[in-house]
Amino acid sequence: MARVARRRRPLRLDLECTRCGRTTSHEVERVYLHPDGPRCLAEGWDGVVLSRIAVCGHCGAEDEYRITPQAQLVLSCQQMLLATRKSP
């Protein structure tokens, strides 16, 4: 898995609860992306591993979430930043 973010400050991601449909903001220390995203989607998951279990602040559902478009954008930006830091 490719590490996307491990920062001194937590990364804030908006996640949509698949049980109640509400969106809440979650702070995570680390995010990992599976290298084969399309296969993960075919298997029924997003290929994103967070450093902690996301709990919905509204209904209490644990690890029942969907990555919002805003969170996907944040992850994409972090991935680009990481790639540019590794460039020679």
N, C-alpha and C. Protein backbone atom coordinates (compact mmCIF):
# COMPACT_ATOMS: atom_id res chain seq x y z
N MET A 1 0.83 -1.17 0.00
CA MET A 1 0.00 0.00 0.00
C MET A 1 0.88 1.24 0.00
N ALA A 2 0.43 2.23 -0.69
CA ALA A 2 1.15 3.49 -0.77
C ALA A 2 0.69 4.43 0.34
N ARG A 3 1.65 4.94 1.07
CA ARG A 3 1.30 5.89 2.11
C ARG A 3 0.99 7.23 1.46
N VAL A 4 -0.11 7.82 1.84
CA VAL A 4 -0.49 9.12 1.31
C VAL A 4 -0.13 10.21 2.31
N ALA A 5 -0.40 9.97 3.56
CA ALA A 5 -0.18 11.05 4.52
C ALA A 5 0.25 10.51 5.87
N ARG A 6 1.31 11.06 6.37
CA ARG A 6 1.66 10.93 7.78
C ARG A 6 2.25 12.28 8.14
N ARG A 7 1.50 13.03 8.83
CA ARG A 7 1.85 14.42 9.07
C ARG A 7 1.99 14.67 10.56
N ARG A 8 2.59 15.81 10.85
CA ARG A 8 2.68 16.20 12.26
C ARG A 8 1.31 16.58 12.78
N ARG A 9 0.51 17.17 11.91
CA ARG A 9 -0.87 17.49 12.26
C ARG A 9 -1.77 16.47 11.59
N PRO A 10 -2.84 16.08 12.22
CA PRO A 10 -3.75 15.13 11.58
C PRO A 10 -4.34 15.69 10.30
N LEU A 11 -4.66 14.79 9.40
CA LEU A 11 -5.32 15.15 8.15
C LEU A 11 -6.82 15.09 8.39
N ARG A 12 -7.53 16.11 7.96
CA ARG A 12 -8.98 16.16 8.17
C ARG A 12 -9.68 15.71 6.88
N LEU A 13 -10.52 14.68 7.03
CA LEU A 13 -11.26 14.14 5.89
C LEU A 13 -12.75 14.14 6.19
N ASP A 14 -13.55 14.54 5.22
CA ASP A 14 -15.00 14.44 5.34
C ASP A 14 -15.43 13.07 4.84
N LEU A 15 -16.12 12.33 5.70
CA LEU A 15 -16.58 10.99 5.36
C LEU A 15 -18.10 10.94 5.48
N GLU A 16 -18.74 10.30 4.52
CA GLU A 16 -20.20 10.16 4.53
C GLU A 16 -20.57 8.81 5.12
N CYS A 17 -21.38 8.82 6.15
CA CYS A 17 -21.83 7.59 6.79
C CYS A 17 -22.77 6.85 5.83
N THR A 18 -22.51 5.57 5.60
CA THR A 18 -23.38 4.80 4.71
C THR A 18 -24.61 4.29 5.43
N ARG A 19 -24.66 4.43 6.75
CA ARG A 19 -25.85 4.04 7.50
C ARG A 19 -26.88 5.17 7.55
N CYS A 20 -26.45 6.38 7.95
CA CYS A 20 -27.42 7.48 8.10
C CYS A 20 -27.32 8.53 7.00
N GLY A 21 -26.26 8.48 6.19
CA GLY A 21 -26.12 9.40 5.07
C GLY A 21 -25.56 10.77 5.41
N ARG A 22 -25.22 11.00 6.66
CA ARG A 22 -24.69 12.31 7.06
C ARG A 22 -23.17 12.33 6.92
N THR A 23 -22.64 13.51 6.70
CA THR A 23 -21.20 13.68 6.52
C THR A 23 -20.60 14.30 7.77
N THR A 24 -19.50 13.71 8.22
CA THR A 24 -18.79 14.24 9.38
C THR A 24 -17.30 14.33 9.05
N SER A 25 -16.63 15.21 9.73
CA SER A 25 -15.20 15.43 9.53
C SER A 25 -14.43 14.56 10.53
N HIS A 26 -13.39 13.89 10.03
CA HIS A 26 -12.59 13.00 10.87
C HIS A 26 -11.12 13.37 10.71
N GLU A 27 -10.39 13.32 11.80
CA GLU A 27 -8.95 13.55 11.77
C GLU A 27 -8.23 12.21 11.82
N VAL A 28 -7.28 12.03 10.91
CA VAL A 28 -6.51 10.79 10.87
C VAL A 28 -5.02 11.13 10.78
N GLU A 29 -4.22 10.31 11.42
CA GLU A 29 -2.77 10.52 11.41
C GLU A 29 -2.13 9.96 10.14
N ARG A 30 -2.63 8.82 9.68
CA ARG A 30 -2.04 8.16 8.51
C ARG A 30 -3.15 7.68 7.58
N VAL A 31 -2.83 7.71 6.29
CA VAL A 31 -3.74 7.21 5.26
C VAL A 31 -2.91 6.38 4.29
N TYR A 32 -3.41 5.20 3.96
CA TYR A 32 -2.75 4.34 2.99
C TYR A 32 -3.72 4.04 1.85
N LEU A 33 -3.20 4.04 0.62
CA LEU A 33 -4.02 3.71 -0.54
C LEU A 33 -3.53 2.39 -1.14
N HIS A 34 -4.46 1.51 -1.41
CA HIS A 34 -4.13 0.25 -2.07
C HIS A 34 -3.65 0.56 -3.49
N PRO A 35 -2.61 -0.10 -3.98
CA PRO A 35 -2.10 0.23 -5.32
C PRO A 35 -3.04 -0.15 -6.47
N ASP A 36 -4.00 -1.02 -6.23
CA ASP A 36 -4.93 -1.43 -7.28
C ASP A 36 -6.35 -0.98 -6.93
N GLY A 37 -6.57 0.34 -7.05
CA GLY A 37 -7.86 0.93 -6.71
C GLY A 37 -9.05 0.31 -7.44
N PRO A 38 -8.96 0.09 -8.77
CA PRO A 38 -10.10 -0.50 -9.48
C PRO A 38 -10.48 -1.89 -8.95
N ARG A 39 -9.48 -2.69 -8.60
CA ARG A 39 -9.77 -4.02 -8.05
C ARG A 39 -10.48 -3.90 -6.70
N CYS A 40 -10.04 -2.95 -5.90
CA CYS A 40 -10.68 -2.74 -4.60
C CYS A 40 -12.14 -2.37 -4.78
N LEU A 41 -12.41 -1.45 -5.71
CA LEU A 41 -13.80 -1.05 -5.97
C LEU A 41 -14.63 -2.24 -6.42
N ALA A 42 -14.06 -3.10 -7.25
CA ALA A 42 -14.77 -4.30 -7.71
C ALA A 42 -15.05 -5.26 -6.55
N GLU A 43 -14.18 -5.23 -5.54
CA GLU A 43 -14.36 -6.09 -4.36
C GLU A 43 -15.26 -5.45 -3.31
N GLY A 44 -15.71 -4.21 -3.57
CA GLY A 44 -16.66 -3.57 -2.67
C GLY A 44 -16.09 -2.66 -1.60
N TRP A 45 -14.84 -2.23 -1.77
CA TRP A 45 -14.28 -1.26 -0.81
C TRP A 45 -13.48 -0.22 -1.57
N ASP A 46 -13.15 0.89 -0.91
CA ASP A 46 -12.55 2.03 -1.59
C ASP A 46 -11.03 1.96 -1.73
N GLY A 47 -10.38 1.01 -1.08
CA GLY A 47 -8.94 0.90 -1.18
C GLY A 47 -8.19 1.89 -0.29
N VAL A 48 -8.92 2.55 0.60
CA VAL A 48 -8.32 3.53 1.51
C VAL A 48 -8.31 2.95 2.92
N VAL A 49 -7.14 2.97 3.55
CA VAL A 49 -7.02 2.48 4.92
C VAL A 49 -6.63 3.67 5.80
N LEU A 50 -7.44 3.92 6.81
CA LEU A 50 -7.19 5.02 7.73
C LEU A 50 -6.51 4.49 8.99
N SER A 51 -5.79 5.35 9.68
CA SER A 51 -5.05 4.93 10.87
C SER A 51 -5.95 4.69 12.08
N ARG A 52 -7.22 5.01 11.96
CA ARG A 52 -8.14 4.74 13.07
C ARG A 52 -9.52 4.45 12.50
N ILE A 53 -10.34 3.85 13.32
CA ILE A 53 -11.70 3.52 12.91
C ILE A 53 -12.54 4.80 12.91
N ALA A 54 -13.24 5.03 11.81
CA ALA A 54 -14.11 6.21 11.70
C ALA A 54 -15.46 5.87 12.32
N VAL A 55 -15.87 6.68 13.28
CA VAL A 55 -17.16 6.50 13.96
C VAL A 55 -18.04 7.69 13.61
N CYS A 56 -19.24 7.43 13.10
CA CYS A 56 -20.17 8.50 12.76
C CYS A 56 -20.59 9.25 14.01
N GLY A 57 -20.46 10.55 13.97
CA GLY A 57 -20.84 11.38 15.11
C GLY A 57 -22.34 11.52 15.28
N HIS A 58 -23.10 11.05 14.30
CA HIS A 58 -24.56 11.18 14.36
C HIS A 58 -25.24 9.89 14.81
N CYS A 59 -24.87 8.76 14.18
CA CYS A 59 -25.57 7.51 14.50
C CYS A 59 -24.68 6.48 15.19
N GLY A 60 -23.38 6.74 15.29
CA GLY A 60 -22.47 5.84 15.98
C GLY A 60 -21.96 4.67 15.16
N ALA A 61 -22.28 4.63 13.86
CA ALA A 61 -21.81 3.54 13.01
C ALA A 61 -20.28 3.54 12.97
N GLU A 62 -19.69 2.36 13.05
CA GLU A 62 -18.24 2.23 13.02
C GLU A 62 -17.78 1.68 11.68
N ASP A 63 -16.86 2.40 11.06
CA ASP A 63 -16.24 1.99 9.80
C ASP A 63 -17.24 1.75 8.68
N GLU A 64 -18.32 2.49 8.69
CA GLU A 64 -19.33 2.42 7.63
C GLU A 64 -19.38 3.79 6.97
N TYR A 65 -18.46 4.03 6.05
CA TYR A 65 -18.36 5.34 5.46
C TYR A 65 -18.01 5.26 3.98
N ARG A 66 -18.22 6.37 3.33
CA ARG A 66 -17.83 6.56 1.94
C ARG A 66 -16.94 7.79 1.90
N ILE A 67 -15.86 7.71 1.14
CA ILE A 67 -14.98 8.86 0.96
C ILE A 67 -15.74 9.90 0.13
N THR A 68 -15.86 11.11 0.63
CA THR A 68 -16.56 12.16 -0.12
C THR A 68 -15.66 12.68 -1.24
N PRO A 69 -16.24 13.35 -2.23
CA PRO A 69 -15.40 13.96 -3.27
C PRO A 69 -14.37 14.94 -2.69
N GLN A 70 -14.76 15.67 -1.66
CA GLN A 70 -13.82 16.60 -1.03
C GLN A 70 -12.65 15.85 -0.40
N ALA A 71 -12.94 14.74 0.28
CA ALA A 71 -11.87 13.95 0.89
C ALA A 71 -10.99 13.32 -0.18
N GLN A 72 -11.57 12.90 -1.28
CA GLN A 72 -10.79 12.34 -2.38
C GLN A 72 -9.84 13.38 -2.94
N LEU A 73 -10.31 14.63 -3.03
CA LEU A 73 -9.45 15.71 -3.50
C LEU A 73 -8.29 15.95 -2.53
N VAL A 74 -8.59 15.95 -1.24
CA VAL A 74 -7.54 16.11 -0.23
C VAL A 74 -6.50 14.99 -0.36
N LEU A 75 -6.96 13.76 -0.53
CA LEU A 75 -6.03 12.62 -0.66
C LEU A 75 -5.20 12.74 -1.93
N SER A 76 -5.82 13.17 -3.02
CA SER A 76 -5.08 13.34 -4.28
C SER A 76 -4.00 14.41 -4.14
N CYS A 77 -4.33 15.51 -3.49
CA CYS A 77 -3.35 16.58 -3.27
C CYS A 77 -2.20 16.10 -2.39
N GLN A 78 -2.52 15.36 -1.35
CA GLN A 78 -1.47 14.85 -0.46
C GLN A 78 -0.57 13.87 -1.21
N GLN A 79 -1.18 13.07 -2.08
CA GLN A 79 -0.40 12.11 -2.87
C GLN A 79 0.56 12.85 -3.81
N MET A 80 0.09 13.93 -4.43
CA MET A 80 0.96 14.72 -5.31
C MET A 80 2.08 15.38 -4.53
N LEU A 81 1.77 15.91 -3.33
CA LEU A 81 2.81 16.52 -2.51
C LEU A 81 3.87 15.50 -2.12
N LEU A 82 3.45 14.33 -1.76
CA LEU A 82 4.39 13.27 -1.39
C LEU A 82 5.27 12.89 -2.58
N ALA A 83 4.66 12.81 -3.75
CA ALA A 83 5.42 12.46 -4.96
C ALA A 83 6.45 13.52 -5.30
N THR A 84 6.12 14.79 -5.14
CA THR A 84 7.08 15.85 -5.47
C THR A 84 8.21 15.90 -4.45
N ARG A 85 7.95 15.53 -3.22
CA ARG A 85 9.02 15.52 -2.20
C ARG A 85 10.01 14.40 -2.45
N LYS A 86 9.57 13.33 -3.09
CA LYS A 86 10.46 12.20 -3.36
C LYS A 86 11.25 12.38 -4.65
N SER A 87 10.89 13.38 -5.45
CA SER A 87 11.58 13.61 -6.73
C SER A 87 13.00 14.08 -6.48
N PRO A 88 13.95 13.65 -7.36
CA PRO A 88 15.34 14.08 -7.18
C PRO A 88 15.54 15.54 -7.45
